[in-house]
């Protein structure tokens, strides 16, 4: 298969084919429990609206009262830190506009903690990848 052929689940561009997926966790400022089902849905919608602009795909997203998990497929040109900052700012703005009472619940109106968790995600285990790379040795 050539690089330019479509690969299911892969992002094909002129000079690259990639499948980069990151698992992100964002927590509320001071881990305040301010999210309910409605706010989680608003965050999901904000992430989906950001997806087209950022050229990403939201694979899955859900959360609890003080944090959200999101699985994102993203292009190699997009740094994870830039992705995180965009998702946080877009969702924070949307949630604060739709929930004017949130400022009182969070004291400052700041929705997200500055910190975040990011972990690469993929279909193969590290052991599987190591075995594949080891099998690619040049013959003697």
N, C-alpha and C. Protein backbone atom coordinates (compact mmCIF):
# COMPACT_ATOMS: atom_id res chain seq x y z
N UNK A 1 0.85 -1.18 0.00
CA UNK A 1 0.00 0.00 0.00
C UNK A 1 0.89 1.24 0.00
N UNK A 2 0.62 2.19 -0.85
CA UNK A 2 1.43 3.41 -0.90
C UNK A 2 0.99 4.36 0.20
N UNK A 3 1.87 5.32 0.49
CA UNK A 3 1.58 6.30 1.53
C UNK A 3 0.34 7.12 1.20
N UNK A 4 0.07 7.31 -0.09
CA UNK A 4 -1.03 8.18 -0.48
C UNK A 4 -2.39 7.48 -0.50
N UNK A 5 -2.40 6.17 -0.33
CA UNK A 5 -3.68 5.47 -0.27
C UNK A 5 -4.30 5.69 1.10
N UNK A 6 -5.62 5.70 1.14
CA UNK A 6 -6.31 5.88 2.40
C UNK A 6 -6.14 4.64 3.28
N UNK A 7 -5.72 4.86 4.50
CA UNK A 7 -5.60 3.79 5.49
C UNK A 7 -6.68 4.03 6.53
N UNK A 8 -7.45 3.04 6.81
CA UNK A 8 -8.55 3.19 7.76
C UNK A 8 -7.99 3.62 9.13
N UNK A 9 -8.51 4.74 9.61
CA UNK A 9 -8.10 5.23 10.91
C UNK A 9 -6.83 6.08 10.90
N UNK A 10 -6.21 6.24 9.75
CA UNK A 10 -4.98 7.03 9.66
C UNK A 10 -5.27 8.35 8.98
N UNK A 11 -4.49 9.36 9.34
CA UNK A 11 -4.59 10.67 8.73
C UNK A 11 -3.52 10.76 7.65
N UNK A 12 -3.94 10.85 6.40
CA UNK A 12 -2.99 10.90 5.28
C UNK A 12 -2.89 12.32 4.74
N UNK A 13 -1.67 12.79 4.65
CA UNK A 13 -1.36 14.09 4.06
C UNK A 13 -0.35 13.86 2.94
N UNK A 14 0.04 14.93 2.28
CA UNK A 14 0.93 14.80 1.13
C UNK A 14 2.25 14.12 1.50
N UNK A 15 2.83 14.48 2.63
CA UNK A 15 4.15 13.95 3.00
C UNK A 15 4.15 13.07 4.24
N UNK A 16 2.98 12.74 4.75
CA UNK A 16 2.97 11.91 5.97
C UNK A 16 1.66 11.15 6.10
N UNK A 17 1.76 10.04 6.80
CA UNK A 17 0.60 9.29 7.23
C UNK A 17 0.78 9.07 8.72
N UNK A 18 -0.24 9.37 9.50
CA UNK A 18 -0.07 9.29 10.95
C UNK A 18 -1.35 8.82 11.63
N UNK A 19 -1.16 8.36 12.84
CA UNK A 19 -2.27 8.03 13.72
C UNK A 19 -1.81 8.38 15.12
N UNK A 20 -2.04 9.62 15.51
CA UNK A 20 -1.63 10.11 16.82
C UNK A 20 -2.88 10.30 17.66
N UNK A 21 -2.92 9.61 18.79
CA UNK A 21 -4.07 9.70 19.69
C UNK A 21 -3.54 10.00 21.08
N UNK A 22 -4.18 10.95 21.75
CA UNK A 22 -3.77 11.31 23.11
C UNK A 22 -4.99 11.23 24.04
N UNK A 23 -4.75 10.71 25.23
CA UNK A 23 -5.76 10.68 26.29
C UNK A 23 -5.46 11.87 27.18
N UNK A 24 -6.42 12.79 27.29
CA UNK A 24 -6.25 13.99 28.10
C UNK A 24 -7.20 13.96 29.28
N UNK A 25 -6.74 14.48 30.40
CA UNK A 25 -7.61 14.68 31.56
C UNK A 25 -7.43 16.12 32.01
N UNK A 26 -8.55 16.84 32.11
CA UNK A 26 -8.56 18.21 32.61
C UNK A 26 -9.33 18.22 33.92
N UNK A 27 -8.79 18.89 34.94
CA UNK A 27 -9.48 19.00 36.22
C UNK A 27 -9.94 20.43 36.43
N UNK A 28 -10.98 20.58 37.23
CA UNK A 28 -11.46 21.91 37.56
C UNK A 28 -10.47 22.58 38.51
N UNK A 29 -10.51 23.89 38.55
CA UNK A 29 -9.66 24.66 39.46
C UNK A 29 -9.98 24.23 40.89
N UNK A 30 -8.95 23.88 41.65
CA UNK A 30 -9.07 23.40 43.03
C UNK A 30 -9.93 22.14 43.17
N UNK A 31 -10.08 21.41 42.07
CA UNK A 31 -10.91 20.19 42.02
C UNK A 31 -12.33 20.43 42.53
N UNK A 32 -12.84 21.64 42.32
CA UNK A 32 -14.22 21.94 42.72
C UNK A 32 -15.18 21.10 41.91
N UNK A 33 -16.20 20.60 42.57
CA UNK A 33 -17.19 19.75 41.93
C UNK A 33 -18.31 20.63 41.37
N UNK A 34 -18.09 21.12 40.14
CA UNK A 34 -19.04 22.05 39.53
C UNK A 34 -19.74 21.49 38.30
N UNK A 35 -19.33 20.31 37.84
CA UNK A 35 -19.92 19.76 36.62
C UNK A 35 -21.10 18.86 36.94
N UNK A 36 -22.15 19.00 36.13
CA UNK A 36 -23.26 18.05 36.12
C UNK A 36 -23.41 17.58 34.68
N UNK A 37 -24.40 16.78 34.40
CA UNK A 37 -24.59 16.24 33.07
C UNK A 37 -24.74 17.32 32.00
N UNK A 38 -25.42 18.39 32.34
CA UNK A 38 -25.63 19.49 31.39
C UNK A 38 -24.32 20.16 31.03
N UNK A 39 -23.50 20.45 32.03
CA UNK A 39 -22.22 21.11 31.78
C UNK A 39 -21.27 20.19 31.03
N UNK A 40 -21.27 18.90 31.37
CA UNK A 40 -20.43 17.95 30.63
C UNK A 40 -20.83 17.96 29.15
N UNK A 41 -22.13 18.01 28.87
CA UNK A 41 -22.61 18.06 27.48
C UNK A 41 -22.17 19.36 26.81
N UNK A 42 -22.20 20.47 27.52
CA UNK A 42 -21.74 21.74 26.97
C UNK A 42 -20.25 21.69 26.64
N UNK A 43 -19.47 21.06 27.51
CA UNK A 43 -18.03 20.90 27.26
C UNK A 43 -17.82 20.03 26.02
N UNK A 44 -18.58 18.93 25.93
CA UNK A 44 -18.49 18.04 24.76
C UNK A 44 -18.77 18.82 23.47
N UNK A 45 -19.82 19.64 23.49
CA UNK A 45 -20.17 20.43 22.31
C UNK A 45 -19.08 21.45 21.98
N UNK A 46 -18.48 22.04 23.00
CA UNK A 46 -17.38 22.99 22.77
C UNK A 46 -16.19 22.28 22.14
N UNK A 47 -15.86 21.08 22.64
CA UNK A 47 -14.76 20.30 22.07
C UNK A 47 -15.06 19.95 20.61
N UNK A 48 -16.29 19.54 20.33
CA UNK A 48 -16.66 19.17 18.96
C UNK A 48 -16.59 20.38 18.02
N UNK A 49 -16.99 21.55 18.51
CA UNK A 49 -16.92 22.74 17.65
C UNK A 49 -15.47 23.14 17.41
N UNK A 50 -14.60 22.89 18.35
CA UNK A 50 -13.17 23.20 18.18
C UNK A 50 -12.48 22.20 17.26
N UNK A 51 -13.05 21.01 17.16
CA UNK A 51 -12.41 19.93 16.41
C UNK A 51 -12.14 20.29 14.95
N UNK A 52 -13.09 20.89 14.29
CA UNK A 52 -12.91 21.22 12.87
C UNK A 52 -11.82 22.26 12.69
N UNK A 53 -11.84 23.29 13.52
CA UNK A 53 -10.85 24.36 13.43
C UNK A 53 -9.44 23.84 13.68
N UNK A 54 -9.31 22.93 14.64
CA UNK A 54 -7.99 22.40 15.01
C UNK A 54 -7.57 21.21 14.15
N UNK A 55 -8.48 20.74 13.29
CA UNK A 55 -8.23 19.55 12.46
C UNK A 55 -7.94 18.32 13.32
N UNK A 56 -8.78 18.15 14.35
CA UNK A 56 -8.67 17.00 15.25
C UNK A 56 -9.97 16.22 15.20
N UNK A 57 -9.94 15.05 15.82
CA UNK A 57 -11.15 14.25 15.95
C UNK A 57 -11.32 13.87 17.41
N UNK A 58 -12.47 14.21 17.97
CA UNK A 58 -12.79 13.81 19.34
C UNK A 58 -13.32 12.38 19.24
N UNK A 59 -12.54 11.42 19.74
CA UNK A 59 -12.93 10.02 19.65
C UNK A 59 -13.90 9.62 20.75
N UNK A 60 -13.71 10.22 21.93
CA UNK A 60 -14.59 9.93 23.06
C UNK A 60 -14.38 11.02 24.10
N UNK A 61 -15.40 11.28 24.91
CA UNK A 61 -15.29 12.29 25.95
C UNK A 61 -16.35 12.04 26.99
N UNK A 62 -15.98 12.15 28.25
CA UNK A 62 -16.93 12.09 29.35
C UNK A 62 -16.26 12.65 30.59
N UNK A 63 -17.02 12.77 31.66
CA UNK A 63 -16.43 13.35 32.85
C UNK A 63 -17.25 13.12 34.09
N UNK A 64 -16.72 13.66 35.18
CA UNK A 64 -17.37 13.60 36.48
C UNK A 64 -17.47 15.02 37.01
N UNK A 65 -17.82 15.16 38.27
CA UNK A 65 -18.08 16.48 38.85
C UNK A 65 -16.88 17.41 38.84
N UNK A 66 -15.66 16.86 38.85
CA UNK A 66 -14.47 17.72 38.93
C UNK A 66 -13.42 17.48 37.86
N UNK A 67 -13.73 16.67 36.84
CA UNK A 67 -12.76 16.45 35.76
C UNK A 67 -13.43 15.83 34.53
N UNK A 68 -12.72 15.94 33.40
CA UNK A 68 -13.17 15.31 32.17
C UNK A 68 -12.02 14.52 31.56
N UNK A 69 -12.38 13.46 30.84
CA UNK A 69 -11.45 12.65 30.05
C UNK A 69 -11.82 12.86 28.59
N UNK A 70 -10.82 12.99 27.74
CA UNK A 70 -11.10 13.12 26.30
C UNK A 70 -10.01 12.39 25.52
N UNK A 71 -10.45 11.61 24.54
CA UNK A 71 -9.53 10.94 23.61
C UNK A 71 -9.56 11.71 22.31
N UNK A 72 -8.38 12.14 21.86
CA UNK A 72 -8.28 13.00 20.69
C UNK A 72 -7.29 12.43 19.68
N UNK A 73 -7.72 12.33 18.42
CA UNK A 73 -6.80 12.03 17.32
C UNK A 73 -6.40 13.38 16.75
N UNK A 74 -5.09 13.58 16.57
CA UNK A 74 -4.61 14.90 16.16
C UNK A 74 -3.50 14.78 15.11
N UNK A 75 -3.32 15.82 14.30
CA UNK A 75 -2.28 15.79 13.26
C UNK A 75 -0.90 16.06 13.87
N UNK A 76 0.17 15.60 13.21
CA UNK A 76 1.52 15.79 13.74
C UNK A 76 1.95 17.24 13.84
N UNK A 77 1.34 18.13 13.08
CA UNK A 77 1.74 19.54 13.14
C UNK A 77 1.23 20.25 14.39
N UNK A 78 0.33 19.62 15.13
CA UNK A 78 -0.30 20.26 16.30
C UNK A 78 0.34 19.75 17.59
N UNK A 79 0.96 20.65 18.33
CA UNK A 79 1.56 20.29 19.62
C UNK A 79 0.45 19.99 20.63
N UNK A 80 0.68 19.02 21.48
CA UNK A 80 -0.32 18.65 22.49
C UNK A 80 -0.62 19.84 23.39
N UNK A 81 0.39 20.61 23.76
CA UNK A 81 0.16 21.77 24.64
C UNK A 81 -0.76 22.80 23.97
N UNK A 82 -0.62 23.00 22.66
CA UNK A 82 -1.49 23.92 21.93
C UNK A 82 -2.91 23.36 21.86
N UNK A 83 -3.02 22.06 21.63
CA UNK A 83 -4.32 21.38 21.62
C UNK A 83 -5.02 21.57 22.96
N UNK A 84 -4.30 21.32 24.05
CA UNK A 84 -4.87 21.46 25.40
C UNK A 84 -5.34 22.89 25.64
N UNK A 85 -4.49 23.86 25.36
CA UNK A 85 -4.85 25.26 25.60
C UNK A 85 -6.09 25.67 24.81
N UNK A 86 -6.19 25.22 23.57
CA UNK A 86 -7.36 25.54 22.75
C UNK A 86 -8.62 24.90 23.31
N UNK A 87 -8.56 23.62 23.64
CA UNK A 87 -9.75 22.94 24.17
C UNK A 87 -10.20 23.56 25.49
N UNK A 88 -9.26 23.86 26.36
CA UNK A 88 -9.61 24.46 27.65
C UNK A 88 -10.22 25.85 27.48
N UNK A 89 -9.61 26.69 26.65
CA UNK A 89 -10.12 28.06 26.52
C UNK A 89 -11.48 28.09 25.84
N UNK A 90 -11.67 27.31 24.79
CA UNK A 90 -12.95 27.29 24.08
C UNK A 90 -14.06 26.76 24.99
N UNK A 91 -13.78 25.67 25.72
CA UNK A 91 -14.82 25.09 26.58
C UNK A 91 -15.10 25.99 27.78
N UNK A 92 -14.08 26.60 28.34
CA UNK A 92 -14.27 27.49 29.49
C UNK A 92 -15.17 28.67 29.12
N UNK A 93 -14.87 29.27 27.98
CA UNK A 93 -15.66 30.42 27.52
C UNK A 93 -17.12 30.01 27.33
N UNK A 94 -17.35 28.88 26.68
CA UNK A 94 -18.73 28.43 26.40
C UNK A 94 -19.48 28.14 27.70
N UNK A 95 -18.84 27.42 28.61
CA UNK A 95 -19.51 27.03 29.86
C UNK A 95 -19.81 28.26 30.72
N UNK A 96 -18.89 29.21 30.78
CA UNK A 96 -19.13 30.41 31.59
C UNK A 96 -20.25 31.27 31.01
N UNK A 97 -20.36 31.33 29.68
CA UNK A 97 -21.44 32.10 29.04
C UNK A 97 -22.79 31.45 29.32
N UNK A 98 -22.85 30.12 29.25
CA UNK A 98 -24.12 29.40 29.42
C UNK A 98 -24.50 29.18 30.88
N UNK A 99 -23.58 29.38 31.80
CA UNK A 99 -23.83 29.12 33.23
C UNK A 99 -23.31 30.28 34.06
N UNK A 100 -24.09 31.35 34.12
CA UNK A 100 -23.64 32.54 34.83
C UNK A 100 -23.45 32.30 36.32
N UNK A 101 -24.10 31.28 36.86
CA UNK A 101 -23.96 30.94 38.28
C UNK A 101 -22.61 30.30 38.60
N UNK A 102 -21.88 29.88 37.58
CA UNK A 102 -20.61 29.19 37.78
C UNK A 102 -19.57 30.07 38.46
N UNK A 103 -19.60 31.37 38.22
CA UNK A 103 -18.65 32.28 38.84
C UNK A 103 -18.74 32.20 40.36
N UNK A 104 -19.97 32.11 40.88
CA UNK A 104 -20.15 32.02 42.33
C UNK A 104 -19.63 30.68 42.86
N UNK A 105 -19.88 29.62 42.12
CA UNK A 105 -19.46 28.28 42.55
C UNK A 105 -17.95 28.12 42.55
N UNK A 106 -17.27 28.83 41.64
CA UNK A 106 -15.82 28.66 41.53
C UNK A 106 -15.03 29.83 42.12
N UNK A 107 -15.72 30.81 42.72
CA UNK A 107 -15.13 32.01 43.32
C UNK A 107 -14.52 32.96 42.29
N UNK A 108 -13.68 32.47 41.40
CA UNK A 108 -12.97 33.34 40.47
C UNK A 108 -13.55 33.31 39.06
N UNK A 109 -14.36 32.33 38.76
CA UNK A 109 -14.85 32.17 37.41
C UNK A 109 -13.92 31.35 36.54
N UNK A 110 -12.74 31.00 37.08
CA UNK A 110 -11.80 30.16 36.34
C UNK A 110 -12.32 28.74 36.39
N UNK A 111 -12.45 28.11 35.24
CA UNK A 111 -13.01 26.77 35.18
C UNK A 111 -11.96 25.69 35.39
N UNK A 112 -10.87 25.75 34.60
CA UNK A 112 -9.89 24.67 34.58
C UNK A 112 -8.65 24.99 35.43
N UNK A 113 -8.09 23.94 35.99
CA UNK A 113 -6.77 24.03 36.61
C UNK A 113 -5.76 24.25 35.49
N UNK A 114 -4.61 24.84 35.80
CA UNK A 114 -3.57 25.03 34.78
C UNK A 114 -2.96 23.70 34.35
N UNK A 115 -2.98 22.72 35.23
CA UNK A 115 -2.35 21.43 34.93
C UNK A 115 -3.26 20.55 34.10
N UNK A 116 -2.67 19.50 33.52
CA UNK A 116 -3.43 18.52 32.76
C UNK A 116 -2.63 17.23 32.70
N UNK A 117 -3.32 16.16 32.35
CA UNK A 117 -2.69 14.85 32.14
C UNK A 117 -2.77 14.56 30.65
N UNK A 118 -1.68 14.07 30.08
CA UNK A 118 -1.68 13.66 28.68
C UNK A 118 -0.89 12.37 28.56
N UNK A 119 -1.47 11.41 27.85
CA UNK A 119 -0.82 10.12 27.66
C UNK A 119 -1.08 9.66 26.23
N UNK A 120 -0.02 9.26 25.54
CA UNK A 120 -0.22 8.76 24.19
C UNK A 120 -1.04 7.47 24.27
N UNK A 121 -1.85 7.26 23.27
CA UNK A 121 -2.71 6.08 23.25
C UNK A 121 -2.62 5.45 21.87
N UNK A 122 -2.67 4.15 21.82
CA UNK A 122 -2.62 3.47 20.54
C UNK A 122 -3.11 2.05 20.68
N UNK A 123 -3.19 1.36 19.57
CA UNK A 123 -3.72 0.02 19.56
C UNK A 123 -2.73 -1.05 19.99
N UNK A 124 -1.44 -0.76 19.92
CA UNK A 124 -0.44 -1.78 20.23
C UNK A 124 0.23 -1.47 21.57
N UNK A 125 0.60 -2.52 22.28
CA UNK A 125 1.33 -2.34 23.53
C UNK A 125 2.78 -2.03 23.23
N UNK A 126 3.48 -1.50 24.21
CA UNK A 126 4.91 -1.21 24.05
C UNK A 126 5.67 -2.50 23.73
N UNK A 127 5.28 -3.60 24.37
CA UNK A 127 5.94 -4.89 24.12
C UNK A 127 5.78 -5.32 22.66
N UNK A 128 4.58 -5.13 22.12
CA UNK A 128 4.33 -5.48 20.72
C UNK A 128 5.19 -4.63 19.79
N UNK A 129 5.28 -3.34 20.06
CA UNK A 129 6.09 -2.45 19.23
C UNK A 129 7.57 -2.79 19.32
N UNK A 130 8.05 -3.08 20.53
CA UNK A 130 9.45 -3.46 20.70
C UNK A 130 9.77 -4.73 19.91
N UNK A 131 8.87 -5.70 19.95
CA UNK A 131 9.09 -6.97 19.22
C UNK A 131 9.11 -6.70 17.72
N UNK A 132 8.23 -5.80 17.24
CA UNK A 132 8.21 -5.48 15.82
C UNK A 132 9.52 -4.82 15.39
N UNK A 133 9.97 -3.82 16.17
CA UNK A 133 11.20 -3.12 15.84
C UNK A 133 12.38 -4.10 15.87
N UNK A 134 12.42 -4.98 16.85
CA UNK A 134 13.51 -5.97 16.94
C UNK A 134 13.50 -6.91 15.74
N UNK A 135 12.34 -7.18 15.19
CA UNK A 135 12.26 -8.10 14.04
C UNK A 135 12.73 -7.44 12.74
N UNK A 136 12.99 -6.16 12.75
CA UNK A 136 13.37 -5.43 11.54
C UNK A 136 14.89 -5.35 11.35
N UNK A 137 15.63 -6.17 12.05
CA UNK A 137 17.09 -6.12 11.97
C UNK A 137 17.58 -6.49 10.56
N UNK A 138 18.66 -5.84 10.18
CA UNK A 138 19.30 -6.14 8.89
C UNK A 138 19.96 -7.51 8.97
N UNK A 139 19.74 -8.35 7.94
CA UNK A 139 20.37 -9.69 7.97
C UNK A 139 21.89 -9.56 7.93
N UNK A 140 22.57 -10.52 8.53
CA UNK A 140 24.05 -10.53 8.56
C UNK A 140 24.64 -10.80 7.21
